Amino acid sequence: MAELETMQSELEAPEVLNGDAGENDEKEYEEPSESGKKKRRKKKKNKTAAPAGTNEAEGDGDTGGGVGDVTKQLEQQALLEDKEKEDDGVDDGEDVENSAGKKKKKKKKKKGVKGQTDPPSIPICELYPSGDFPKGEECEYPPSKDGRSAAWRTTHEEKRVLDKANEEMWNDFRQAAEAHRQVRNYVNTWIKPGMTMIDICERLEGCSRRLIKENGLKAGLAFPTGCSINHVAAHYTPNAGDPTVLQYDDVCKIDFGTHINGRIIDCAFTVTFNPKYDRLLEAVRDATNTGIKCAGIDVRLCDVGETIQEVMESYEVEIDGKTYQVKPIRNLNGHSIGQYRIHAGKTVPIVKGGEATRMEEGEVYAIETFGSTGRGAVHDDMECSHYMKNFNVGHVPIRLPRAKHLLNVINENFGTLAFCRRWLDRQGESKYLMALKNLCDLGIIDPYPPLCDTKGSYTAQYEHTILLRPTCKEVVSRGDDY
């Protein structure tokens, strides 16, 4: 307020433009900056050349200093206004004239996070140029058996340091997870009955490759897109020429993965169009979320399985006038995840009676559950499409030249990540089935045929990837959808 009152008192003083104050006036105009001298002198001449009766003030030269002060304040006010206009987003290179008559070139405004296109096409690394990718859902670990809380981990200095030390790895998971989220949101906008399974998979994988910015083994797809239908629970993706079409009454499990530097996101959901399956999907989604809630450091794997089974079997679903208890598929499990290794050795059962092995700090798990209206057990069936190199295989002599060539292609493009026959076709390979069989017979490549329950039954799946960080549990693949 004090500043405002001083300015008003000075403005009330007579304004002197001609006469004895002219010299003082000119000095005051020349003081602010050297670069503006010529313009100000020109302006002064224009003012003195104006008709004598226009804004001519009375008084002596003693008032010149007051006018100079007012001029300074007006110029400062104009500069402040210019800065405010810059903050409001004036375009780069636009000339803007301020109240003092000066032209000033506006600075380029800093750009924030880009927006994604529709359909998605901008890689996630370009959407977040700072390298800080969105975190998943961070949860406190469950209390121990004796009731002790795990809240201390979030503030413990040593745990925070350990967590920070692995920040680069957590960030790789987050980048892959953000790509997964955006791809599945996009898929849900166009997937519909009448589409062939090949079209669905190729369109999904194309989007996924763009968003993850596929780059050899450094970034790409972690395994083939599973699109298992109805009684087929897992490991089905169409081979070339497969005519299967998605129907209105189908229950389709979309299971796909992304990775950055071998840090794999394994995440799945179920798509239905007929609302009669809603209760089945609800049961499996609830069971998966229960498993996630129960999981944590030092938790026994068998305890997670028992909790999942209890929740899933509490649901019943009525389909076409017949009531079914939702059964967990007892021989399908969640699993630990390693770098470039989708199944890293530990299994997370979805029924009671599993291993008493404990989860450990720093591990990564895929918590997935499968519910079925059938027997609740699966077996190998149908033509195989999924394959993966044995992670622990040593040197095995290969006699067939075609098999040697095919193994080189697999090592170069997939390493120890899973692949499918469509992806070999995409690499330009042909007539490779005999060579592929030879690699399987030698134990270098493992086949993963579709896993099926009884025909006529329906199966559903939900899955998330969780990070057991030193400070908290992060459901890194969590999204607004599930």
Protein backbone atom coordinates (compact mmCIF):
# COMPACT_ATOMS: atom_id res chain seq x y z
CA MET A 1 0.00 0.00 0.00
CA ALA A 2 2.86 2.41 0.83
CA GLU A 3 4.32 2.03 -2.64
CA LEU A 4 0.95 2.73 -4.23
CA GLU A 5 0.43 5.99 -2.25
CA THR A 6 3.87 7.38 -3.22
CA MET A 7 3.14 6.76 -6.88
CA GLN A 8 -0.21 8.59 -6.69
CA SER A 9 1.33 11.71 -5.08
CA GLU A 10 3.94 11.91 -7.81
CA LEU A 11 1.37 11.54 -10.57
CA GLU A 12 -0.50 14.58 -9.17
CA ALA A 13 2.59 16.82 -9.80
CA PRO A 14 2.44 19.04 -12.96
CA GLU A 15 3.79 17.21 -16.02
CA VAL A 16 6.61 19.16 -17.69
CA LEU A 17 7.36 18.27 -21.27
CA ASN A 18 8.97 21.57 -22.57
CA GLY A 19 10.85 24.45 -21.08
CA ASP A 20 13.62 24.36 -18.51
CA ALA A 21 12.96 20.76 -17.50
CA GLY A 22 13.86 19.49 -20.94
CA GLU A 23 17.50 18.76 -20.12
CA ASN A 24 16.63 16.86 -16.94
CA ASP A 25 13.96 14.96 -18.83
CA GLU A 26 16.43 13.86 -21.46
CA LYS A 27 18.91 12.66 -18.83
CA GLU A 28 16.24 10.62 -17.08
CA TYR A 29 15.26 8.98 -20.36
CA GLU A 30 18.86 8.08 -21.19
CA GLU A 31 19.66 6.46 -17.82
CA PRO A 32 17.71 3.12 -17.97
CA SER A 33 19.70 1.44 -20.81
CA GLU A 34 22.23 2.22 -23.56
CA SER A 35 20.39 0.16 -26.20
CA GLY A 36 17.33 2.42 -26.15
CA LYS A 37 19.07 5.84 -26.51
CA LYS A 38 18.31 6.44 -30.17
CA LYS A 39 14.62 5.53 -29.85
CA ARG A 40 14.20 7.73 -26.81
CA ARG A 41 15.91 10.74 -28.39
CA LYS A 42 13.66 10.37 -31.43
CA LYS A 43 10.66 10.18 -29.14
CA LYS A 44 11.82 13.32 -27.31
CA LYS A 45 12.08 15.22 -30.58
CA ASN A 46 8.57 14.17 -31.53
CA LYS A 47 7.26 15.44 -28.20
CA THR A 48 8.97 18.81 -28.45
CA ALA A 49 7.72 19.21 -32.02
CA ALA A 50 4.11 18.89 -30.86
CA PRO A 51 1.93 22.09 -30.82
CA ALA A 52 2.77 24.38 -27.93
CA GLY A 53 -0.76 24.36 -26.58
CA THR A 54 -0.94 20.58 -26.31
CA ASN A 55 -0.31 19.23 -22.77
CA GLU A 56 1.97 22.21 -22.07
CA ALA A 57 2.70 22.49 -18.39
CA GLU A 58 3.41 25.54 -16.28
CA GLY A 59 6.19 25.77 -13.74
CA ASP A 60 9.93 25.79 -13.54
CA GLY A 61 12.59 23.12 -14.15
CA ASP A 62 12.56 21.95 -10.52
CA THR A 63 9.78 19.52 -11.35
CA GLY A 64 11.88 17.61 -13.94
CA GLY A 65 13.20 15.13 -11.39
CA GLY A 66 9.64 14.18 -10.36
CA VAL A 67 8.65 13.50 -13.94
CA GLY A 68 11.75 11.35 -14.40
CA ASP A 69 10.82 9.26 -11.36
CA VAL A 70 7.32 8.77 -12.68
CA THR A 71 8.74 7.76 -16.06
CA LYS A 72 10.99 5.16 -14.41
CA GLN A 73 8.07 3.67 -12.53
CA LEU A 74 5.93 3.56 -15.67
CA GLU A 75 8.71 1.76 -17.53
CA GLN A 76 9.15 -0.75 -14.69
CA GLN A 77 5.41 -1.35 -14.65
CA ALA A 78 5.47 -1.93 -18.43
CA LEU A 79 8.28 -4.47 -18.03
CA LEU A 80 6.29 -6.32 -15.38
CA GLU A 81 3.27 -6.40 -17.70
CA ASP A 82 5.48 -7.80 -20.49
CA LYS A 83 6.68 -10.59 -18.20
CA GLU A 84 3.09 -11.46 -17.31
CA LYS A 85 2.24 -11.66 -21.00
CA GLU A 86 5.22 -14.00 -21.53
CA ASP A 87 3.91 -16.25 -18.76
CA ASP A 88 0.51 -16.32 -20.47
CA GLY A 89 2.12 -18.09 -23.42
CA VAL A 90 3.06 -15.56 -26.14
CA ASP A 91 4.47 -17.47 -29.12
CA ASP A 92 8.20 -17.58 -29.78
CA GLY A 93 9.45 -14.78 -32.00
CA GLU A 94 6.37 -12.53 -31.68
CA ASP A 95 7.17 -8.81 -31.43
CA VAL A 96 5.09 -7.13 -28.71
CA GLU A 97 5.11 -3.37 -28.12
CA ASN A 98 4.99 -2.28 -24.48
CA SER A 99 3.68 1.01 -23.06
CA ALA A 100 7.09 2.70 -23.34
CA GLY A 101 7.01 2.15 -27.10
CA LYS A 102 9.75 -0.55 -27.12
CA LYS A 103 9.57 -3.79 -29.08
CA LYS A 104 10.72 -6.87 -27.23
CA LYS A 105 11.28 -10.36 -28.61
CA LYS A 106 9.53 -12.93 -26.48
CA LYS A 107 11.48 -15.88 -25.13
CA LYS A 108 10.44 -19.40 -26.08
CA LYS A 109 8.11 -20.83 -23.46
CA LYS A 110 9.18 -24.14 -21.93
CA LYS A 111 7.05 -27.07 -23.03
CA GLY A 112 5.58 -29.51 -20.50
CA VAL A 113 4.76 -33.21 -20.89
CA LYS A 114 3.45 -34.04 -24.34
CA GLY A 115 0.00 -35.48 -24.79
CA GLN A 116 -0.56 -38.88 -26.38
CA THR A 117 -2.12 -39.09 -29.82
CA ASP A 118 -5.24 -41.03 -30.75
CA PRO A 119 -4.50 -43.77 -31.73
CA PRO A 120 -1.38 -43.89 -29.50
CA SER A 121 1.82 -43.45 -31.49
CA ILE A 122 4.27 -41.43 -29.35
CA PRO A 123 6.77 -43.63 -27.47
CA ILE A 124 6.51 -43.47 -23.68
CA CYS A 125 10.13 -42.31 -23.38
CA GLU A 126 9.24 -39.23 -25.47
CA LEU A 127 6.09 -38.53 -23.45
CA TYR A 128 8.25 -38.36 -20.32
CA PRO A 129 11.57 -36.86 -21.51
CA SER A 130 12.75 -36.36 -17.91
CA GLY A 131 12.87 -40.14 -17.48
CA ASP A 132 10.54 -40.10 -14.47
CA PHE A 133 7.71 -42.44 -15.38
CA PRO A 134 4.40 -42.77 -13.49
CA LYS A 135 4.54 -44.99 -10.43
CA GLY A 136 2.09 -47.80 -9.92
CA GLU A 137 -0.07 -48.25 -6.83
CA GLU A 138 2.16 -48.11 -3.74
CA CYS A 139 0.87 -50.20 -0.82
CA GLU A 140 2.06 -50.85 2.70
CA TYR A 141 3.14 -54.43 3.33
CA PRO A 142 0.67 -56.62 5.25
CA PRO A 143 1.30 -56.99 9.01
CA SER A 144 3.26 -60.03 10.16
CA LYS A 145 1.65 -63.08 11.81
CA ASP A 146 2.25 -61.65 15.27
CA GLY A 147 0.44 -58.44 14.30
CA ARG A 148 3.49 -56.20 13.88
CA SER A 149 2.98 -53.46 11.29
CA ALA A 150 5.35 -53.03 8.34
CA ALA A 151 4.82 -49.25 8.25
CA TRP A 152 8.35 -48.69 9.59
CA ARG A 153 9.76 -49.62 6.18
CA THR A 154 8.45 -46.44 4.54
CA THR A 155 10.52 -44.17 6.81
CA HIS A 156 13.51 -46.38 7.69
CA GLU A 157 16.62 -44.61 6.38
CA GLU A 158 18.48 -47.77 5.34
CA LYS A 159 15.47 -49.09 3.40
CA ARG A 160 15.03 -45.74 1.68
CA VAL A 161 18.67 -45.77 0.59
CA LEU A 162 18.31 -49.33 -0.75
CA ASP A 163 15.15 -48.32 -2.60
CA LYS A 164 16.89 -45.32 -4.15
CA ALA A 165 19.85 -47.47 -5.21
CA ASN A 166 17.52 -49.54 -7.41
CA GLU A 167 15.61 -46.55 -8.80
CA GLU A 168 16.90 -47.14 -12.34
CA MET A 169 15.52 -50.68 -12.33
CA TRP A 170 12.16 -49.61 -10.87
CA ASN A 171 11.98 -46.92 -13.57
CA ASP A 172 12.45 -49.51 -16.33
CA PHE A 173 9.49 -51.44 -14.94
CA ARG A 174 7.42 -48.23 -14.77
CA GLN A 175 8.16 -47.30 -18.37
CA ALA A 176 7.12 -50.76 -19.58
CA ALA A 177 4.01 -50.61 -17.36
CA GLU A 178 2.92 -47.24 -18.75
CA ALA A 179 3.21 -48.64 -22.28
CA HIS A 180 1.09 -51.63 -21.22
CA ARG A 181 -1.58 -49.37 -19.69
CA GLN A 182 -1.88 -47.19 -22.77
CA VAL A 183 -1.97 -50.15 -25.15
CA ARG A 184 -4.70 -52.00 -23.27
CA ASN A 185 -6.78 -48.84 -22.95
CA TYR A 186 -6.49 -48.43 -26.71
CA VAL A 187 -7.40 -52.09 -27.34
CA ASN A 188 -10.58 -51.74 -25.30
CA THR A 189 -11.77 -48.97 -27.64
CA TRP A 190 -11.86 -51.15 -30.76
CA ILE A 191 -11.93 -54.86 -29.89
CA LYS A 192 -15.30 -56.30 -30.92
CA PRO A 193 -17.00 -59.48 -32.16
CA GLY A 194 -16.34 -60.34 -35.79
CA MET A 195 -12.61 -59.55 -35.72
CA THR A 196 -10.14 -62.33 -36.48
CA MET A 197 -7.74 -63.22 -33.70
CA ILE A 198 -4.79 -62.51 -36.00
CA ASP A 199 -6.04 -58.96 -36.65
CA ILE A 200 -6.51 -58.36 -32.92
CA CYS A 201 -3.02 -59.60 -32.03
CA GLU A 202 -1.20 -57.80 -34.84
CA ARG A 203 -2.95 -54.50 -34.15
CA LEU A 204 -2.23 -54.76 -30.42
CA GLU A 205 1.41 -55.73 -30.99
CA GLY A 206 1.91 -52.94 -33.52
CA CYS A 207 0.77 -50.34 -31.00
CA SER A 208 2.85 -51.95 -28.26
CA ARG A 209 6.00 -51.88 -30.41
CA ARG A 210 5.52 -48.16 -31.10
CA LEU A 211 4.90 -47.14 -27.48
CA ILE A 212 7.74 -49.21 -26.06
CA LYS A 213 9.98 -47.96 -28.92
CA GLU A 214 11.16 -51.43 -29.84
CA ASN A 215 14.94 -51.66 -29.96
CA GLY A 216 16.30 -55.18 -30.28
CA LEU A 217 16.72 -56.81 -26.88
CA LYS A 218 16.84 -53.44 -25.06
CA ALA A 219 13.12 -52.72 -25.40
CA GLY A 220 10.19 -54.57 -26.93
CA LEU A 221 7.55 -57.22 -26.42
CA ALA A 222 8.21 -59.66 -23.60
CA PHE A 223 6.13 -62.55 -24.96
CA PRO A 224 3.46 -63.21 -27.62
CA THR A 225 -0.03 -61.83 -27.15
CA GLY A 226 -2.25 -64.48 -25.58
CA CYS A 227 -5.87 -64.31 -26.69
CA SER A 228 -7.18 -67.60 -25.33
CA ILE A 229 -10.93 -68.13 -25.75
CA ASN A 230 -13.49 -69.84 -23.49
CA HIS A 231 -12.17 -73.21 -22.21
CA VAL A 232 -8.65 -72.37 -23.41
CA ALA A 233 -7.07 -70.71 -20.39
CA ALA A 234 -3.61 -69.67 -21.59
CA HIS A 235 -0.79 -69.84 -24.17
CA TYR A 236 -2.93 -69.50 -27.29
CA THR A 237 -1.99 -67.03 -30.01
CA PRO A 238 -2.96 -67.60 -33.65
CA ASN A 239 -0.44 -69.02 -36.09
CA ALA A 240 -0.42 -67.80 -39.69
CA GLY A 241 -3.63 -68.76 -41.51
CA ASP A 242 -5.67 -69.30 -38.33
CA PRO A 243 -9.25 -68.32 -39.28
CA THR A 244 -10.60 -68.02 -35.68
CA VAL A 245 -13.02 -65.11 -35.25
CA LEU A 246 -14.00 -63.50 -31.93
CA GLN A 247 -17.71 -64.07 -31.15
CA TYR A 248 -20.20 -62.17 -28.98
CA ASP A 249 -20.50 -65.05 -26.49
CA ASP A 250 -16.73 -65.60 -26.15
CA VAL A 251 -14.64 -65.07 -23.02
CA CYS A 252 -11.27 -63.85 -24.28
CA LYS A 253 -8.16 -63.52 -22.08
CA ILE A 254 -5.78 -60.80 -23.36
CA ASP A 255 -2.34 -61.51 -21.90
CA PHE A 256 0.61 -59.55 -23.27
CA GLY A 257 3.92 -58.27 -21.95
CA THR A 258 6.37 -55.41 -22.46
CA HIS A 259 9.93 -54.95 -21.27
CA ILE A 260 12.70 -52.37 -20.95
CA ASN A 261 16.20 -53.83 -20.56
CA GLY A 262 14.65 -57.21 -19.71
CA ARG A 263 12.47 -55.79 -16.89
CA ILE A 264 9.23 -57.53 -17.79
CA ILE A 265 5.66 -56.42 -17.20
CA ASP A 266 3.32 -59.44 -17.24
CA CYS A 267 -0.27 -58.26 -17.05
CA ALA A 268 -3.58 -59.71 -18.30
CA PHE A 269 -7.31 -59.03 -18.36
CA THR A 270 -10.46 -60.67 -19.71
CA VAL A 271 -12.73 -59.27 -22.42
CA THR A 272 -16.42 -60.22 -22.69
CA PHE A 273 -19.38 -58.67 -24.53
CA ASN A 274 -22.24 -60.66 -22.98
CA PRO A 275 -23.05 -59.44 -19.43
CA LYS A 276 -23.87 -63.00 -18.31
CA TYR A 277 -20.14 -63.49 -17.61
CA ASP A 278 -19.79 -60.43 -15.36
CA ARG A 279 -19.93 -62.46 -12.15
CA LEU A 280 -17.16 -64.79 -13.39
CA LEU A 281 -14.93 -61.82 -14.16
CA GLU A 282 -15.71 -60.23 -10.80
CA ALA A 283 -14.70 -63.42 -8.97
CA VAL A 284 -11.32 -63.65 -10.72
CA ARG A 285 -10.57 -59.94 -10.41
CA ASP A 286 -11.37 -60.07 -6.67
CA ALA A 287 -9.16 -63.14 -6.23
CA THR A 288 -6.23 -61.44 -7.99
CA ASN A 289 -6.58 -58.28 -5.90
CA THR A 290 -6.74 -60.43 -2.76
CA GLY A 291 -3.53 -62.19 -3.76
CA ILE A 292 -1.84 -58.83 -4.35
CA LYS A 293 -3.01 -57.56 -0.96
CA CYS A 294 -1.74 -60.70 0.79
CA ALA A 295 1.67 -60.74 -0.96
CA GLY A 296 4.69 -59.20 0.74
CA ILE A 297 8.18 -59.68 2.09
CA ASP A 298 8.50 -62.85 4.23
CA VAL A 299 4.99 -63.99 3.27
CA ARG A 300 4.75 -67.73 2.53
CA LEU A 301 3.65 -68.55 -1.02
CA CYS A 302 1.24 -71.22 0.23
CA ASP A 303 -0.56 -68.63 2.36
CA VAL A 304 -1.16 -66.47 -0.71
CA GLY A 305 -2.64 -69.46 -2.57
CA GLU A 306 -4.95 -70.38 0.29
CA THR A 307 -6.32 -66.83 0.51
CA ILE A 308 -6.92 -66.69 -3.26
CA GLN A 309 -8.80 -69.99 -3.27
CA GLU A 310 -11.02 -68.94 -0.37
CA VAL A 311 -12.09 -65.75 -2.15
CA MET A 312 -12.64 -67.27 -5.59
CA GLU A 313 -14.70 -70.21 -4.37
CA SER A 314 -17.02 -67.83 -2.52
CA TYR A 315 -18.47 -66.79 -5.89
CA GLU A 316 -21.17 -68.49 -7.95
CA VAL A 317 -22.12 -67.61 -11.50
CA GLU A 318 -25.29 -68.40 -13.44
CA ILE A 319 -24.78 -68.97 -17.17
CA ASP A 320 -27.66 -69.98 -19.45
CA GLY A 321 -29.80 -71.05 -16.50
CA LYS A 322 -27.12 -73.21 -14.89
CA THR A 323 -25.28 -72.25 -11.69
CA TYR A 324 -21.53 -72.91 -11.33
CA GLN A 325 -19.17 -72.43 -8.43
CA VAL A 326 -16.12 -70.54 -9.69
CA LYS A 327 -13.11 -72.83 -9.32
CA PRO A 328 -9.47 -71.73 -9.30
CA ILE A 329 -7.46 -73.65 -11.93
CA ARG A 330 -5.20 -75.52 -9.54
CA ASN A 331 -2.33 -76.28 -11.94
CA LEU A 332 -1.89 -72.67 -13.11
CA ASN A 333 0.16 -70.30 -10.95
CA GLY A 334 1.62 -66.88 -10.56
CA HIS A 335 5.42 -66.69 -10.66
CA SER A 336 8.51 -64.67 -9.86
CA ILE A 337 10.03 -62.64 -12.70
CA GLY A 338 13.73 -62.19 -13.43
CA GLN A 339 15.63 -60.10 -15.96
CA TYR A 340 14.87 -61.54 -19.41
CA ARG A 341 13.25 -64.47 -17.57
CA ILE A 342 9.47 -64.60 -17.38
CA HIS A 343 9.43 -67.59 -14.98
CA ALA A 344 12.28 -67.05 -12.52
CA GLY A 345 11.82 -70.15 -10.36
CA LYS A 346 9.25 -69.42 -7.64
CA THR A 347 5.55 -70.17 -8.19
CA VAL A 348 2.61 -68.45 -6.51
CA PRO A 349 -0.20 -71.05 -6.19
CA ILE A 350 -3.87 -70.12 -6.41
CA VAL A 351 -5.01 -73.01 -4.20
CA LYS A 352 -3.93 -74.10 -0.72
CA GLY A 353 -1.20 -76.66 -0.16
CA GLY A 354 1.64 -75.03 -2.10
CA GLU A 355 5.26 -74.47 -1.11
CA ALA A 356 6.13 -72.80 2.17
CA THR A 357 8.85 -70.76 0.44
CA ARG A 358 8.79 -67.09 1.40
CA MET A 359 8.76 -63.99 -0.77
CA GLU A 360 11.90 -61.87 -0.40
CA GLU A 361 12.78 -58.19 -0.55
CA GLY A 362 13.66 -56.96 -4.05
CA GLU A 363 11.80 -59.71 -5.88
CA VAL A 364 9.26 -59.14 -8.66
CA TYR A 365 6.12 -61.28 -9.01
CA ALA A 366 3.31 -61.79 -11.46
CA ILE A 367 0.21 -62.36 -9.35
CA GLU A 368 -2.31 -64.03 -11.65
CA THR A 369 -5.44 -66.06 -11.01
CA PHE A 370 -7.61 -68.16 -13.30
CA GLY A 371 -11.23 -69.02 -12.57
CA SER A 372 -13.18 -71.74 -14.38
CA THR A 373 -16.67 -73.16 -14.64
CA GLY A 374 -15.14 -76.52 -15.64
CA ARG A 375 -12.94 -79.00 -13.77
CA GLY A 376 -10.51 -76.40 -12.48
CA ALA A 377 -7.51 -78.10 -14.12
CA VAL A 378 -5.88 -77.67 -17.54
CA HIS A 379 -4.03 -79.91 -19.98
CA ASP A 380 -2.00 -79.38 -23.17
CA ASP A 381 -4.12 -79.30 -26.31
CA MET A 382 -4.29 -77.82 -29.83
CA GLU A 383 -1.50 -76.65 -32.13
CA CYS A 384 1.50 -75.07 -30.38
CA SER A 385 2.31 -71.41 -31.01
CA HIS A 386 4.40 -70.31 -27.98
CA TYR A 387 8.10 -71.20 -27.64
CA MET A 388 10.94 -70.04 -25.42
CA LYS A 389 14.64 -70.78 -25.16
CA ASN A 390 15.62 -72.77 -22.06
CA PHE A 391 17.22 -70.22 -19.72
CA ASN A 392 19.67 -72.72 -18.19
CA VAL A 393 20.70 -74.62 -21.30
CA GLY A 394 24.43 -74.90 -21.92
CA HIS A 395 26.21 -75.66 -25.18
CA VAL A 396 24.42 -78.34 -27.17
CA PRO A 397 25.90 -79.58 -30.47
CA ILE A 398 23.50 -79.05 -33.40
CA ARG A 399 23.94 -81.05 -36.59
CA LEU A 400 21.23 -79.58 -38.85
CA PRO A 401 22.39 -76.36 -40.58
CA ARG A 402 18.80 -75.06 -40.69
CA ALA A 403 18.48 -75.58 -36.94
CA LYS A 404 21.75 -73.70 -36.34
CA HIS A 405 20.52 -70.80 -38.45
CA LEU A 406 17.16 -70.71 -36.68
CA LEU A 407 18.83 -70.69 -33.25
CA ASN A 408 20.96 -67.71 -34.34
CA VAL A 409 17.78 -65.86 -35.38
CA ILE A 410 16.17 -66.68 -32.01
CA ASN A 411 19.24 -65.60 -30.02
CA GLU A 412 19.54 -62.34 -31.93
CA ASN A 413 15.88 -61.30 -31.80
CA PHE A 414 14.39 -62.92 -28.69
CA GLY A 415 17.21 -64.21 -26.48
CA THR A 416 15.56 -66.00 -23.57
CA LEU A 417 12.22 -64.19 -24.04
CA ALA A 418 9.21 -66.12 -25.35
CA PHE A 419 8.28 -65.91 -29.03
CA CYS A 420 5.72 -67.36 -31.43
CA ARG A 421 5.64 -68.63 -35.00
CA ARG A 422 4.11 -65.38 -36.28
CA TRP A 423 7.17 -63.53 -35.01
CA LEU A 424 9.49 -65.89 -36.90
CA ASP A 425 7.41 -65.19 -40.03
CA ARG A 426 7.87 -61.47 -39.34
CA GLN A 427 11.66 -61.99 -39.33
CA GLY A 428 11.39 -63.41 -42.85
CA GLU A 429 11.87 -67.04 -41.84
CA SER A 430 10.07 -69.78 -43.78
CA LYS A 431 10.03 -73.58 -43.80
CA TYR A 432 11.44 -73.62 -40.28
CA LEU A 433 9.10 -76.15 -38.59
CA MET A 434 11.53 -79.07 -38.91
CA ALA A 435 14.39 -76.97 -37.54
CA LEU A 436 12.19 -75.73 -34.69
CA LYS A 437 11.19 -79.30 -33.82
CA ASN A 438 14.86 -80.30 -33.80
CA LEU A 439 15.70 -77.51 -31.33
CA CYS A 440 12.81 -78.63 -29.13
CA ASP A 441 13.96 -82.26 -29.26
CA LEU A 442 17.46 -81.19 -28.20
CA GLY A 443 16.03 -79.32 -25.19
CA ILE A 444 17.33 -75.94 -26.38
CA ILE A 445 13.83 -74.57 -27.04
CA ASP A 446 10.80 -75.42 -24.89
CA PRO A 447 7.33 -75.52 -26.49
CA TYR A 448 4.35 -74.07 -24.57
CA PRO A 449 1.15 -75.42 -26.14
CA PRO A 450 -2.31 -74.00 -25.28
CA LEU A 451 -3.65 -74.99 -21.83
CA CYS A 452 -7.29 -76.07 -21.88
CA ASP A 453 -10.02 -77.02 -19.40
CA THR A 454 -12.97 -79.17 -20.45
CA LYS A 455 -14.72 -78.13 -23.66
CA GLY A 456 -17.83 -76.07 -23.06
CA SER A 457 -16.45 -74.45 -19.91
CA TYR A 458 -15.45 -70.83 -19.51
CA THR A 459 -12.23 -69.51 -18.00
CA ALA A 460 -11.21 -65.98 -16.99
CA GLN A 461 -7.90 -64.42 -15.97
CA TYR A 462 -6.59 -61.26 -14.29
CA GLU A 463 -2.92 -60.54 -13.61
CA HIS A 464 -0.64 -57.78 -12.30
CA THR A 465 3.09 -57.35 -11.80
CA ILE A 466 4.21 -56.29 -8.30
CA LEU A 467 7.58 -54.99 -7.07
CA LEU A 468 8.63 -55.92 -3.53
CA ARG A 469 10.60 -52.74 -2.90
CA PRO A 470 12.49 -52.26 0.39
CA THR A 471 10.09 -49.48 1.48
CA CYS A 472 6.75 -50.62 0.07
CA LYS A 473 4.93 -52.91 -2.35
CA GLU A 474 4.27 -51.35 -5.76
CA VAL A 475 1.57 -52.75 -8.05
CA VAL A 476 3.43 -51.31 -11.01
CA SER A 477 0.93 -52.36 -13.72
CA ARG A 478 -2.13 -51.04 -11.91
CA GLY A 479 -4.39 -48.77 -13.99
CA ASP A 480 -7.77 -47.11 -13.89
CA ASP A 481 -9.28 -50.13 -15.67
CA TYR A 482 -8.32 -52.86 -13.15
